[in-house]
Amino acid sequence: MIIPADAIDHDRARDLGHDGADGEAEGLSVLFSTRPLAIFAVRALFFHFANAPLLRLDGQKLAPEFPKDATAMLLFCMVAAQGVMLPIAIMVGRNADRLGRRPIFLIALSVLPIRAALYALSDNVCWPLGDKLLESVGAGVCEALTPLVIGDVMRGAGRHNLAQGAVATGQGIDATISALAAGEATDLFGCSASFLFQAAAAAVAWAVFALLLPETRDAEAIGAERVGATPGWAPGQ
């Protein structure tokens, strides 16, 4: 089936002209001039820097003790985590408007530094499974809420997809760099020190979000002047 070109309202699809006025998408500079987006992106960078290497580091820690079973154990952990992540994402999606994005996000972010610190303190063979289940809670929340928060802060700018792609690209590059950094830290200082380093990065992610980004759910329409990440900031500003 072919959709007629005149059946698509491109301004409405990009959240432009929502007040009845003619809309025009902002330039690429909106990625750098939108302070809430920048703060959210910094949060994402620290979060994924801390999260990406954890399971691989634990696999490296388990391999000498369970040379034949370590890979199968990690695969089982990853499969089990998917069974938790899906219902968590559905639950978050249903409650994000009622409870707000900020309190749910803060709970998810608080899980990661605890996970990383426990990796350093525990050698229990069952911990990887428990960790993946906890990770699925944090990941399910973050994956469900990230598009909503970006949509909030970019409302009226006409650049929602661009912003989401920029944040995702940064996360991917950051996760790759973090694997290299974690490997070097492990070689130099050992697994426990590397886990504590990841916990510190996760704590920074939590602090950036908690201290600098207010609730985005109730943000009003775009304002006349760009403001910082303070209560009452205007989306896309």
Protein backbone atom coordinates (compact mmCIF):
# COMPACT_ATOMS: atom_id res chain seq x y z
CA MET A 1 0.00 0.00 0.00
CA ILE A 2 1.33 3.45 -0.98
CA ILE A 3 0.63 6.41 1.33
CA PRO A 4 -0.15 9.58 -0.66
CA ALA A 5 2.41 12.30 -0.02
CA ASP A 6 -0.27 14.89 0.74
CA ALA A 7 -1.71 12.65 3.48
CA ILE A 8 1.34 13.29 5.69
CA ASP A 9 1.53 16.41 7.79
CA HIS A 10 5.32 16.71 8.12
CA ASP A 11 5.15 19.58 10.59
CA ARG A 12 2.86 17.65 12.90
CA ALA A 13 4.99 14.53 12.55
CA ARG A 14 8.00 16.56 13.75
CA ASP A 15 6.02 18.28 16.50
CA LEU A 16 6.18 21.64 14.77
CA GLY A 17 3.43 24.22 14.67
CA HIS A 18 1.62 22.54 17.56
CA ASP A 19 0.15 25.89 18.59
CA GLY A 20 -1.25 26.61 15.17
CA ALA A 21 1.71 28.69 14.02
CA ASP A 22 4.00 27.78 11.17
CA GLY A 23 6.84 25.57 12.40
CA GLU A 24 10.42 25.23 11.26
CA ALA A 25 12.89 22.63 12.42
CA GLU A 26 15.87 23.96 14.30
CA GLY A 27 19.39 23.44 12.97
CA LEU A 28 21.91 20.84 14.10
CA SER A 29 23.16 23.28 16.71
CA VAL A 30 20.07 22.40 18.77
CA LEU A 31 21.98 19.30 19.94
CA PHE A 32 24.52 21.52 21.68
CA SER A 33 22.30 24.41 22.72
CA THR A 34 19.66 22.26 24.44
CA ARG A 35 21.12 22.00 27.92
CA PRO A 36 18.75 19.29 29.28
CA LEU A 37 19.65 17.10 26.29
CA ALA A 38 23.37 17.63 26.94
CA ILE A 39 22.93 16.72 30.60
CA PHE A 40 20.95 13.61 29.69
CA ALA A 41 23.63 12.60 27.17
CA VAL A 42 26.39 13.01 29.77
CA ARG A 43 24.36 10.81 32.12
CA ALA A 44 24.06 8.19 29.39
CA LEU A 45 27.80 8.26 28.71
CA PHE A 46 28.75 7.62 32.34
CA PHE A 47 26.02 4.99 32.72
CA HIS A 48 27.08 2.94 29.70
CA PHE A 49 30.76 3.42 30.48
CA ALA A 50 30.08 1.74 33.82
CA ASN A 51 27.58 -0.87 32.64
CA ALA A 52 29.01 -2.25 29.41
CA PRO A 53 32.08 -4.14 30.73
CA LEU A 54 30.61 -5.60 33.94
CA LEU A 55 29.49 -9.01 32.72
CA ARG A 56 32.60 -9.49 30.59
CA LEU A 57 34.79 -8.66 33.57
CA ASP A 58 32.89 -11.15 35.69
CA GLY A 59 33.32 -13.78 32.98
CA GLN A 60 37.05 -13.13 33.10
CA LYS A 61 36.90 -13.56 36.86
CA LEU A 62 34.97 -16.86 36.63
CA ALA A 63 36.96 -18.40 33.78
CA PRO A 64 39.92 -19.65 35.88
CA GLU A 65 37.57 -21.34 38.37
CA PHE A 66 35.13 -22.78 35.80
CA PRO A 67 37.09 -23.13 32.54
CA LYS A 68 34.51 -25.41 30.92
CA ASP A 69 31.31 -23.83 32.19
CA ALA A 70 31.97 -20.06 32.35
CA THR A 71 30.66 -19.32 28.84
CA ALA A 72 27.49 -21.38 29.31
CA MET A 73 26.87 -19.71 32.67
CA LEU A 74 27.12 -16.23 31.16
CA LEU A 75 24.86 -17.15 28.24
CA PHE A 76 22.24 -18.48 30.66
CA CYS A 77 22.44 -15.22 32.62
CA MET A 78 21.83 -13.13 29.50
CA VAL A 79 18.84 -15.23 28.38
CA ALA A 80 17.28 -15.13 31.85
CA ALA A 81 17.65 -11.36 31.97
CA GLN A 82 15.47 -10.91 28.89
CA GLY A 83 12.57 -12.51 30.71
CA VAL A 84 12.77 -9.79 33.34
CA MET A 85 13.51 -6.83 31.08
CA LEU A 86 10.34 -7.09 28.97
CA PRO A 87 7.77 -6.90 31.82
CA ILE A 88 9.83 -4.15 33.49
CA ALA A 89 9.75 -2.07 30.29
CA ILE A 90 5.98 -2.60 29.93
CA MET A 91 5.36 -1.60 33.54
CA VAL A 92 7.51 1.52 33.22
CA GLY A 93 5.78 2.54 30.00
CA ARG A 94 2.40 2.31 31.69
CA ASN A 95 3.42 4.35 34.75
CA ALA A 96 5.85 6.93 33.36
CA ASP A 97 3.16 9.56 32.85
CA ARG A 98 1.54 8.95 36.22
CA LEU A 99 4.69 8.82 38.36
CA GLY A 100 6.98 10.97 36.25
CA ARG A 101 10.23 10.06 34.53
CA ARG A 102 12.62 11.31 37.21
CA PRO A 103 11.81 9.05 40.22
CA ILE A 104 11.74 5.89 38.08
CA PHE A 105 14.99 6.82 36.35
CA LEU A 106 16.72 7.54 39.67
CA ILE A 107 15.77 4.10 40.99
CA ALA A 108 17.19 2.46 37.85
CA LEU A 109 20.41 4.47 38.01
CA SER A 110 20.93 3.65 41.68
CA VAL A 111 21.08 -0.08 40.89
CA LEU A 112 24.25 0.15 38.78
CA PRO A 113 26.79 1.41 41.37
CA ILE A 114 25.50 -1.20 43.82
CA ARG A 115 25.95 -3.94 41.22
CA ALA A 116 29.49 -2.88 40.38
CA ALA A 117 30.51 -2.62 44.03
CA LEU A 118 29.06 -6.07 44.82
CA TYR A 119 31.06 -7.55 41.95
CA ALA A 120 34.20 -6.34 43.73
CA LEU A 121 33.09 -7.80 47.07
CA SER A 122 31.53 -11.12 46.04
CA ASP A 123 33.05 -14.22 44.43
CA ASN A 124 29.84 -16.22 44.68
CA VAL A 125 29.22 -18.23 41.53
CA CYS A 126 25.50 -17.33 41.65
CA TRP A 127 26.18 -13.60 41.60
CA PRO A 128 26.37 -13.23 37.78
CA LEU A 129 22.75 -14.45 37.50
CA GLY A 130 21.59 -12.09 40.24
CA ASP A 131 23.53 -9.29 38.61
CA LYS A 132 21.97 -9.82 35.20
CA LEU A 133 18.51 -9.80 36.74
CA LEU A 134 19.32 -6.49 38.44
CA GLU A 135 20.80 -5.16 35.20
CA SER A 136 17.62 -6.08 33.35
CA VAL A 137 15.66 -3.91 35.77
CA GLY A 138 17.94 -0.92 35.16
CA ALA A 139 18.18 -1.55 31.41
CA GLY A 140 14.44 -2.07 31.04
CA VAL A 141 13.75 1.24 32.76
CA CYS A 142 16.39 3.16 30.82
CA GLU A 143 15.40 1.75 27.44
CA ALA A 144 11.73 2.51 28.05
CA LEU A 145 12.26 6.03 29.41
CA THR A 146 15.06 7.32 27.19
CA PRO A 147 12.81 8.05 24.16
CA LEU A 148 10.26 9.70 26.47
CA VAL A 149 12.81 11.99 28.14
CA ILE A 150 14.37 12.94 24.80
CA GLY A 151 10.90 13.63 23.43
CA ASP A 152 10.19 15.87 26.41
CA VAL A 153 13.33 17.96 26.12
CA MET A 154 13.16 18.23 22.31
CA ARG A 155 9.46 19.07 22.07
CA GLY A 156 8.86 21.72 19.44
CA ALA A 157 12.41 21.57 18.06
CA GLY A 158 11.62 19.18 15.20
CA ARG A 159 14.78 17.18 15.92
CA HIS A 160 13.64 14.29 18.12
CA ASN A 161 15.04 11.52 15.91
CA LEU A 162 18.30 13.39 15.46
CA ALA A 163 18.67 13.79 19.22
CA GLN A 164 17.85 10.15 19.88
CA GLY A 165 20.34 9.04 17.23
CA ALA A 166 23.05 11.30 18.65
CA VAL A 167 22.56 9.94 22.17
CA ALA A 168 22.54 6.32 20.92
CA THR A 169 25.71 6.90 18.87
CA GLY A 170 27.47 8.36 21.88
CA GLN A 171 26.39 5.39 23.98
CA GLY A 172 27.75 2.90 21.45
CA ILE A 173 31.13 4.61 21.15
CA ASP A 174 31.31 4.99 24.91
CA ALA A 175 30.54 1.32 25.54
CA THR A 176 33.37 0.33 23.18
CA ILE A 177 35.85 2.65 24.89
CA SER A 178 34.77 1.44 28.32
CA ALA A 179 35.58 -2.18 27.45
CA LEU A 180 39.13 -1.15 26.55
CA ALA A 181 39.48 1.02 29.66
CA ALA A 182 38.14 -1.72 31.93
CA GLY A 183 40.52 -4.26 30.42
CA GLU A 184 43.51 -1.99 30.96
CA ALA A 185 42.43 -1.22 34.54
CA THR A 186 42.06 -4.94 35.23
CA ASP A 187 45.52 -5.70 33.86
CA LEU A 188 47.11 -2.93 35.94
CA PHE A 189 45.16 -3.07 39.19
CA GLY A 190 43.10 -6.28 39.21
CA CYS A 191 39.40 -7.12 38.83
CA SER A 192 38.25 -5.71 42.17
CA ALA A 193 39.78 -2.30 41.51
CA SER A 194 38.26 -2.26 38.01
CA PHE A 195 34.80 -3.02 39.42
CA LEU A 196 35.15 -0.19 41.94
CA PHE A 197 36.16 2.14 39.09
CA GLN A 198 32.98 1.18 37.24
CA ALA A 199 30.97 1.76 40.41
CA ALA A 200 32.41 5.28 40.66
CA ALA A 201 31.45 6.04 37.05
CA ALA A 202 27.91 4.75 37.75
CA ALA A 203 27.68 6.99 40.80
CA VAL A 204 28.61 9.99 38.63
CA ALA A 205 25.79 9.09 36.22
CA TRP A 206 23.33 9.04 39.11
CA ALA A 207 24.62 12.36 40.48
CA VAL A 208 24.45 14.12 37.10
CA PHE A 209 20.84 13.09 36.62
CA ALA A 210 19.79 13.72 40.22
CA LEU A 211 21.40 17.14 40.61
CA LEU A 212 21.10 18.70 37.16
CA LEU A 213 18.03 17.38 35.36
CA PRO A 214 14.54 18.18 36.69
CA GLU A 215 11.33 16.30 35.92
CA THR A 216 10.60 16.50 32.19
CA ARG A 217 7.06 15.11 32.11
CA ASP A 218 5.28 18.38 32.92
CA ALA A 219 7.48 20.66 30.83
CA GLU A 220 5.50 23.33 29.01
CA ALA A 221 5.69 24.24 25.34
CA ILE A 222 8.77 25.82 23.85
CA GLY A 223 9.67 29.20 25.30
CA ALA A 224 11.08 32.34 23.76
CA GLU A 225 14.47 32.05 25.34
CA ARG A 226 16.80 29.16 26.10
CA VAL A 227 17.07 28.32 29.77
CA GLY A 228 19.14 25.91 31.79
CA ALA A 229 18.21 22.70 33.48
CA THR A 230 16.13 24.29 36.19
CA PRO A 231 12.47 23.82 37.15
CA GLY A 232 10.31 25.43 34.52
CA TRP A 233 12.77 24.96 31.65
CA ALA A 234 11.16 24.83 28.24
CA PRO A 235 11.52 21.71 26.05
CA GLY A 236 13.87 22.13 23.11
CA GLN A 237 15.46 25.05 24.92
